Structures are given as structure tokens and as C-alpha cells.
Amino acid sequence: MAMFPDRKSKALAIVLVCIIAIVCFGTLYFVGDLARFQEGADLREGQAALRDLKGPEQLDQLLKRYPANGMLKLVALADKDLMEIDAAALGLLRETDPGELSERINKGLSSRSNLEALGRELKAAEDNAADLQSRYDTLIKPVRDGIEHDAATLEGGRNVFVKFMAMIDAQHAEMKALIGRISATRLDYFRAYDKCIALLAQENDVSKGANGQITFRLQAQADSYNQAAAATAADAKRLTELETERKALRRSQLLRWKSWAGR
């Protein structure tokens, strides 16, 4: 009979442990279920808010209306990323801007030294254009790292974070590809213009008519110049198209993020 109280105590302890385990499990389940409910409500609220989103300028207004919405914060973070990589691209493009080269060629006809000076400037611009993409890569790496850090503090699940960063990387890849096309086109532009300058500088008998047309003594030189001038015109047109594409990229990417949020 002396063992009975001890057995009874052990049984009570086991029952108590089971009760505690059940309570803890129920609490964790309730908290997890509540979190899932909150995540679903957050997603639905964000989707409803983004439904009528037309442009990036509206994001600030939405965030003021729904300051705690995680989905809206992620979309705003993605738009911030696009603004920053676009600003980095624009800064580099301005450094290699062809400028008013056609006007300077006309002025350069006044002397060989002016043409040679312009040729040296074109060579420097060509070097900058050749280095454009690698310099862009260096600039946007810290931007990507910052977005990754900020997203990790906002998202509520690993799965959302992974998908978000995959789209950020796709966004960066699209801008990088665009910069690559601009860099290649600018290189072609500068090289064609450099050929024009070289032909003008080596020709002793170049004249400019009243209508602005440049004439050469030899037809072969005139043909070479016309071919190079046509190439610069085609490249200039392509550069204008690429600049339009760059300006449209932010809006198209924002619509893509809107679609992602509405998945």
C-alpha cells in the first residue's frame, strides 16, 4: 500500500503533462490559424487596393490608406527598386550622351584641328560606352542587396520572399539587357560618327554647299561618308526608341507587380 500514493502522483503528473501539451498545441494551432487568416485578409486587402492602380504615383496614396498592408509594402518596395536601377542607368547614359554632334561636325569643318579635337572626344565617348554595362552592374549590386534586406523585414513567409526576390532579379535582368542594347547601339553610333570625322579630317578638298550638303573631291570618299552618315542616323533613331523603352519600363514592371499581387 505504500506505493499507491507514488503511483497516483505519477498518474496525475502524466495527465497534467498531457493537458499542458494539448493546451500548447491548441494555442500554437490557433495562433498559426490566426496568422493564416491575417495573411489572407492582408492579401485580399492589398489586391482590392491595387485593382485600380494605374501608375506609380498612386502607390503613396494607397500606402497612406493601408499603412500596415504587407502586400502593398512589397509592391512599393519593388517600385522603389525600379526607380533606383533606372536612376543608376540614367546617370551613366548621361555620361555617354552623344550630345549635339551633328552641329559640332558642321562647326568642325572650319579647320582640321577642330575635327581632330572632335575625333578625340568621340574616342573618349566610345570608351565610356564600351564600359557602360560593367559600370552599371557595379552600381546596382548594392541596390539589390538593400532591397533583399528590406524585403526580409516585411514579408511574412519564406515562400513569398523567394518569389518576390525572383521577380526582383528578373526586373534587374530586364534593365541590364536594355542597358546592353543601348551600350551596343551607342558604340555603333560613335564608331560611325568617328568614321565621318576621319573622312573629313583627311580630305583636303571638302566644301559645304548653301543647302548644308558636304561635297568631296572624289566620289569614293563621298560614298564612304554618306554610308557612315546613314549609319549614324539609323543608330540615332534606334537610340531614341531605346530611350522610349526605358521610360516605359517602370510602368510595365509596375503592372507586372500588380498582377503578381493579384495571383
Protein backbone atom coordinates (compact mmCIF):
# COMPACT_ATOMS: atom_id res chain seq x y z
CA MET A 1 0.00 0.00 0.00
CA ALA A 2 2.96 2.42 0.44
CA MET A 3 3.48 2.54 -3.32
CA PHE A 4 -0.07 3.70 -4.13
CA PRO A 5 0.36 7.42 -3.42
CA ASP A 6 3.50 7.45 -5.57
CA ARG A 7 1.72 5.74 -8.44
CA LYS A 8 -1.17 8.13 -8.08
CA SER A 9 1.19 11.13 -8.20
CA LYS A 10 2.86 9.81 -11.32
CA ALA A 11 -0.51 9.29 -12.98
CA LEU A 12 -1.58 12.82 -12.09
CA ALA A 13 1.70 14.16 -13.43
CA ILE A 14 1.22 12.34 -16.71
CA VAL A 15 -2.33 13.65 -17.02
CA LEU A 16 -1.12 17.17 -16.24
CA VAL A 17 1.64 16.94 -18.86
CA CYS A 18 -0.89 15.75 -21.44
CA ILE A 19 -3.24 18.60 -20.62
CA ILE A 20 -0.41 21.12 -20.92
CA ALA A 21 0.67 19.60 -24.24
CA ILE A 22 -2.87 19.75 -25.58
CA VAL A 23 -3.25 23.37 -24.48
CA CYS A 24 0.09 24.33 -26.05
CA PHE A 25 -0.72 22.53 -29.28
CA GLY A 26 -4.13 24.16 -29.40
CA THR A 27 -2.60 27.58 -28.77
CA LEU A 28 0.00 27.10 -31.50
CA TYR A 29 -2.66 25.88 -33.90
CA PHE A 30 -4.87 28.84 -33.06
CA VAL A 31 -2.01 31.29 -33.50
CA GLY A 32 -1.00 29.67 -36.78
CA ASP A 33 -4.58 29.66 -37.99
CA LEU A 34 -4.93 33.31 -36.95
CA ALA A 35 -1.72 34.15 -38.82
CA ARG A 36 -3.03 32.41 -41.92
CA PHE A 37 -6.29 34.27 -41.58
CA GLN A 38 -4.44 37.57 -41.20
CA GLU A 39 -2.21 36.77 -44.18
CA GLY A 40 -5.29 36.02 -46.27
CA ALA A 41 -7.01 39.21 -45.15
CA ASP A 42 -3.82 41.19 -45.85
CA LEU A 43 -3.61 39.71 -49.34
CA ARG A 44 -7.27 40.40 -50.13
CA GLU A 45 -6.98 43.97 -48.89
CA GLY A 46 -3.85 44.54 -50.98
CA GLN A 47 -5.44 43.02 -54.08
CA ALA A 48 -8.52 45.21 -53.70
CA ALA A 49 -6.38 48.32 -53.24
CA LEU A 50 -4.23 47.53 -56.29
CA ARG A 51 -7.16 46.75 -58.56
CA ASP A 52 -7.49 50.31 -59.85
CA LEU A 53 -3.77 51.16 -59.73
CA LYS A 54 -2.77 52.92 -62.96
CA GLY A 55 0.68 54.31 -62.22
CA PRO A 56 3.46 54.52 -59.61
CA GLU A 57 2.28 57.92 -58.41
CA GLN A 58 -0.74 56.24 -56.82
CA LEU A 59 1.28 53.89 -54.63
CA ASP A 60 1.99 56.52 -51.96
CA GLN A 61 -1.71 57.27 -51.68
CA LEU A 62 -2.53 53.58 -51.25
CA LEU A 63 0.12 53.15 -48.56
CA LYS A 64 -1.31 56.08 -46.63
CA ARG A 65 -4.73 54.43 -46.73
CA TYR A 66 -3.38 50.97 -45.83
CA PRO A 67 -0.13 51.63 -43.90
CA ALA A 68 0.05 48.13 -42.40
CA ASN A 69 -0.63 46.14 -45.56
CA GLY A 70 2.37 43.90 -46.27
CA MET A 71 1.46 43.22 -49.88
CA LEU A 72 1.32 46.93 -50.72
CA LYS A 73 4.64 47.45 -48.96
CA LEU A 74 6.26 44.77 -51.14
CA VAL A 75 4.86 46.28 -54.34
CA ALA A 76 6.08 49.73 -53.22
CA LEU A 77 9.49 48.22 -52.46
CA ALA A 78 9.61 46.70 -55.95
CA ASP A 79 8.77 50.08 -57.46
CA LYS A 80 11.48 51.72 -55.36
CA ASP A 81 13.93 49.16 -56.75
CA LEU A 82 12.95 50.03 -60.30
CA MET A 83 13.33 53.76 -59.62
CA GLU A 84 16.82 53.21 -58.24
CA ILE A 85 18.10 51.00 -61.04
CA ASP A 86 16.57 53.38 -63.59
CA ALA A 87 18.30 56.34 -61.90
CA ALA A 88 21.61 54.45 -62.00
CA ALA A 89 21.11 53.71 -65.68
CA LEU A 90 20.14 57.30 -66.49
CA GLY A 91 23.18 58.70 -64.71
CA LEU A 92 25.53 56.51 -66.74
CA LEU A 93 23.71 57.20 -70.00
CA ARG A 94 24.10 60.93 -69.49
CA GLU A 95 27.84 60.47 -69.17
CA THR A 96 27.95 58.90 -72.64
CA ASP A 97 25.30 61.10 -74.27
CA PRO A 98 26.21 61.78 -77.92
CA GLY A 99 25.06 65.37 -77.49
CA GLU A 100 24.87 67.78 -80.40
CA LEU A 101 27.47 66.03 -82.52
CA SER A 102 25.88 66.92 -85.85
CA GLU A 103 26.14 70.63 -85.06
CA ARG A 104 29.73 70.19 -83.94
CA ILE A 105 30.65 68.44 -87.19
CA ASN A 106 29.36 71.44 -89.13
CA LYS A 107 31.41 73.78 -86.94
CA GLY A 108 34.42 71.46 -87.21
CA LEU A 109 34.56 71.96 -90.96
CA SER A 110 36.18 75.29 -90.30
CA SER A 111 39.52 73.66 -89.52
CA ARG A 112 41.34 70.36 -89.38
CA SER A 113 42.30 70.96 -85.73
CA ASN A 114 38.62 71.26 -84.75
CA LEU A 115 37.85 67.97 -86.47
CA GLU A 116 40.78 66.24 -84.78
CA ALA A 117 39.67 67.54 -81.36
CA LEU A 118 36.16 66.27 -82.00
CA GLY A 119 37.62 62.90 -83.03
CA ARG A 120 39.45 62.64 -79.69
CA GLU A 121 36.23 63.40 -77.81
CA LEU A 122 34.42 60.75 -79.82
CA LYS A 123 37.09 58.21 -78.91
CA ALA A 124 36.65 59.00 -75.20
CA ALA A 125 32.87 58.70 -75.54
CA GLU A 126 33.33 55.37 -77.32
CA ASP A 127 35.47 54.06 -74.44
CA ASN A 128 32.80 55.12 -71.93
CA ALA A 129 30.08 53.40 -73.94
CA ALA A 130 32.12 50.18 -74.12
CA ASP A 131 32.42 50.20 -70.31
CA LEU A 132 28.79 51.12 -69.69
CA GLN A 133 27.35 47.72 -68.79
CA SER A 134 30.10 46.70 -66.35
CA ARG A 135 29.80 50.05 -64.56
CA TYR A 136 26.05 49.57 -64.36
CA ASP A 137 26.49 46.12 -62.79
CA THR A 138 28.71 47.65 -60.10
CA LEU A 139 26.14 50.34 -59.31
CA ILE A 140 23.09 48.10 -58.97
CA LYS A 141 24.58 45.37 -56.76
CA PRO A 142 24.14 47.40 -53.53
CA VAL A 143 20.64 48.33 -54.70
CA ARG A 144 19.72 44.66 -54.99
CA ASP A 145 21.27 43.88 -51.60
CA GLY A 146 19.29 46.70 -49.97
CA ILE A 147 16.00 45.52 -51.48
CA GLU A 148 16.68 41.97 -50.29
CA HIS A 149 17.30 43.22 -46.74
CA ASP A 150 14.18 45.37 -46.69
CA ALA A 151 12.00 42.61 -48.14
CA ALA A 152 13.20 40.17 -45.47
CA THR A 153 11.88 42.51 -42.78
CA LEU A 154 8.49 42.91 -44.49
CA GLU A 155 7.39 39.52 -45.76
CA GLY A 156 5.51 37.01 -43.67
CA GLY A 157 6.70 33.76 -45.21
CA ARG A 158 9.74 32.26 -46.88
CA ASN A 159 7.78 31.28 -49.96
CA VAL A 160 6.60 34.86 -50.58
CA PHE A 161 10.13 36.17 -50.05
CA VAL A 162 11.67 33.73 -52.55
CA LYS A 163 9.10 34.58 -55.21
CA PHE A 164 9.50 38.30 -54.56
CA MET A 165 13.29 38.20 -54.95
CA ALA A 166 12.97 36.07 -58.09
CA MET A 167 10.86 38.83 -59.63
CA ILE A 168 13.31 41.48 -58.43
CA ASP A 169 16.13 39.58 -60.16
CA ALA A 170 14.00 39.36 -63.33
CA GLN A 171 13.42 43.12 -63.10
CA HIS A 172 17.16 43.72 -62.82
CA ALA A 173 17.87 41.37 -65.72
CA GLU A 174 15.41 43.22 -67.95
CA MET A 175 17.02 46.59 -67.21
CA LYS A 176 20.50 45.12 -67.65
CA ALA A 177 19.53 43.73 -71.05
CA LEU A 178 18.18 47.14 -72.07
CA ILE A 179 21.40 48.84 -70.96
CA GLY A 180 23.32 46.28 -73.01
CA ARG A 181 21.33 47.16 -76.14
CA ILE A 182 21.80 50.88 -75.53
CA SER A 183 25.53 50.39 -74.97
CA ALA A 184 25.93 48.41 -78.20
CA THR A 185 23.92 50.93 -80.22
CA ARG A 186 25.90 53.86 -78.84
CA LEU A 187 29.12 52.11 -79.72
CA ASP A 188 27.90 51.69 -83.31
CA TYR A 189 26.81 55.33 -83.34
CA PHE A 190 30.15 56.65 -82.12
CA ARG A 191 32.13 54.45 -84.49
CA ALA A 192 30.11 55.56 -87.50
CA TYR A 193 30.47 59.19 -86.45
CA ASP A 194 34.19 58.71 -85.90
CA LYS A 195 34.42 57.44 -89.48
CA CYS A 196 32.69 60.61 -90.70
CA ILE A 197 35.15 62.75 -88.76
CA ALA A 198 38.15 60.79 -90.04
CA LEU A 199 37.00 61.18 -93.66
CA LEU A 200 36.53 64.91 -93.20
CA ALA A 201 39.87 65.35 -91.43
CA GLN A 202 41.91 63.50 -94.08
CA GLU A 203 40.27 65.21 -97.05
CA ASN A 204 41.89 68.44 -98.18
CA ASP A 205 39.16 69.46 -100.58
CA VAL A 206 35.87 69.38 -98.69
CA SER A 207 33.26 72.07 -99.26
CA LYS A 208 29.84 72.79 -97.85
CA GLY A 209 27.08 74.00 -100.13
CA ALA A 210 24.42 76.58 -99.38
CA ASN A 211 21.95 73.82 -98.55
CA GLY A 212 24.35 72.36 -95.97
CA GLN A 213 25.36 69.42 -98.12
CA ILE A 214 29.00 68.33 -97.80
CA THR A 215 30.83 67.56 -101.05
CA PHE A 216 34.08 65.66 -101.58
CA ARG A 217 36.57 65.80 -104.41
CA LEU A 218 36.40 62.03 -105.00
CA GLN A 219 33.16 60.07 -105.36
CA ALA A 220 34.54 57.10 -103.38
CA GLN A 221 35.09 59.33 -100.37
CA ALA A 222 31.66 60.85 -100.74
CA ASP A 223 30.12 57.37 -100.84
CA SER A 224 32.01 56.29 -97.71
CA TYR A 225 30.91 59.43 -95.89
CA ASN A 226 27.28 59.01 -96.95
CA GLN A 227 27.31 55.40 -95.79
CA ALA A 228 28.73 56.35 -92.38
CA ALA A 229 26.30 59.27 -92.06
CA ALA A 230 23.36 56.97 -92.85
CA ALA A 231 24.58 54.57 -90.16
CA THR A 232 24.69 57.37 -87.57
CA ALA A 233 21.14 58.40 -88.50
CA ALA A 234 19.88 54.82 -88.12
CA ASP A 235 21.68 54.43 -84.78
CA ALA A 236 20.31 57.76 -83.54
CA LYS A 237 16.78 56.61 -84.37
CA ARG A 238 17.37 53.32 -82.56
CA LEU A 239 18.71 55.18 -79.50
CA THR A 240 15.53 57.27 -79.40
CA GLU A 241 13.46 54.09 -79.49
CA LEU A 242 15.50 52.54 -76.68
CA GLU A 243 15.09 55.67 -74.55
CA THR A 244 11.33 55.44 -75.03
CA GLU A 245 11.54 51.79 -73.97
CA ARG A 246 13.48 52.75 -70.85
CA LYS A 247 10.88 55.32 -69.85
CA ALA A 248 8.06 52.81 -70.37
CA LEU A 249 9.80 50.09 -68.38
CA ARG A 250 8.77 51.35 -64.94
CA ARG A 251 5.08 51.43 -65.80
CA SER A 252 5.13 47.98 -67.42
CA GLN A 253 7.01 46.50 -64.47
CA LEU A 254 4.53 48.04 -62.04
CA LEU A 255 1.67 46.38 -63.91
CA ARG A 256 3.57 43.10 -63.63
CA TRP A 257 3.85 43.55 -59.86
CA LYS A 258 0.16 44.35 -59.73
CA SER A 259 -0.52 41.07 -61.49
CA TRP A 260 1.82 39.24 -59.08
CA ALA A 261 -0.05 40.65 -56.07
CA GLY A 262 -3.36 39.54 -57.57
CA ARG A 263 -2.24 35.93 -58.02
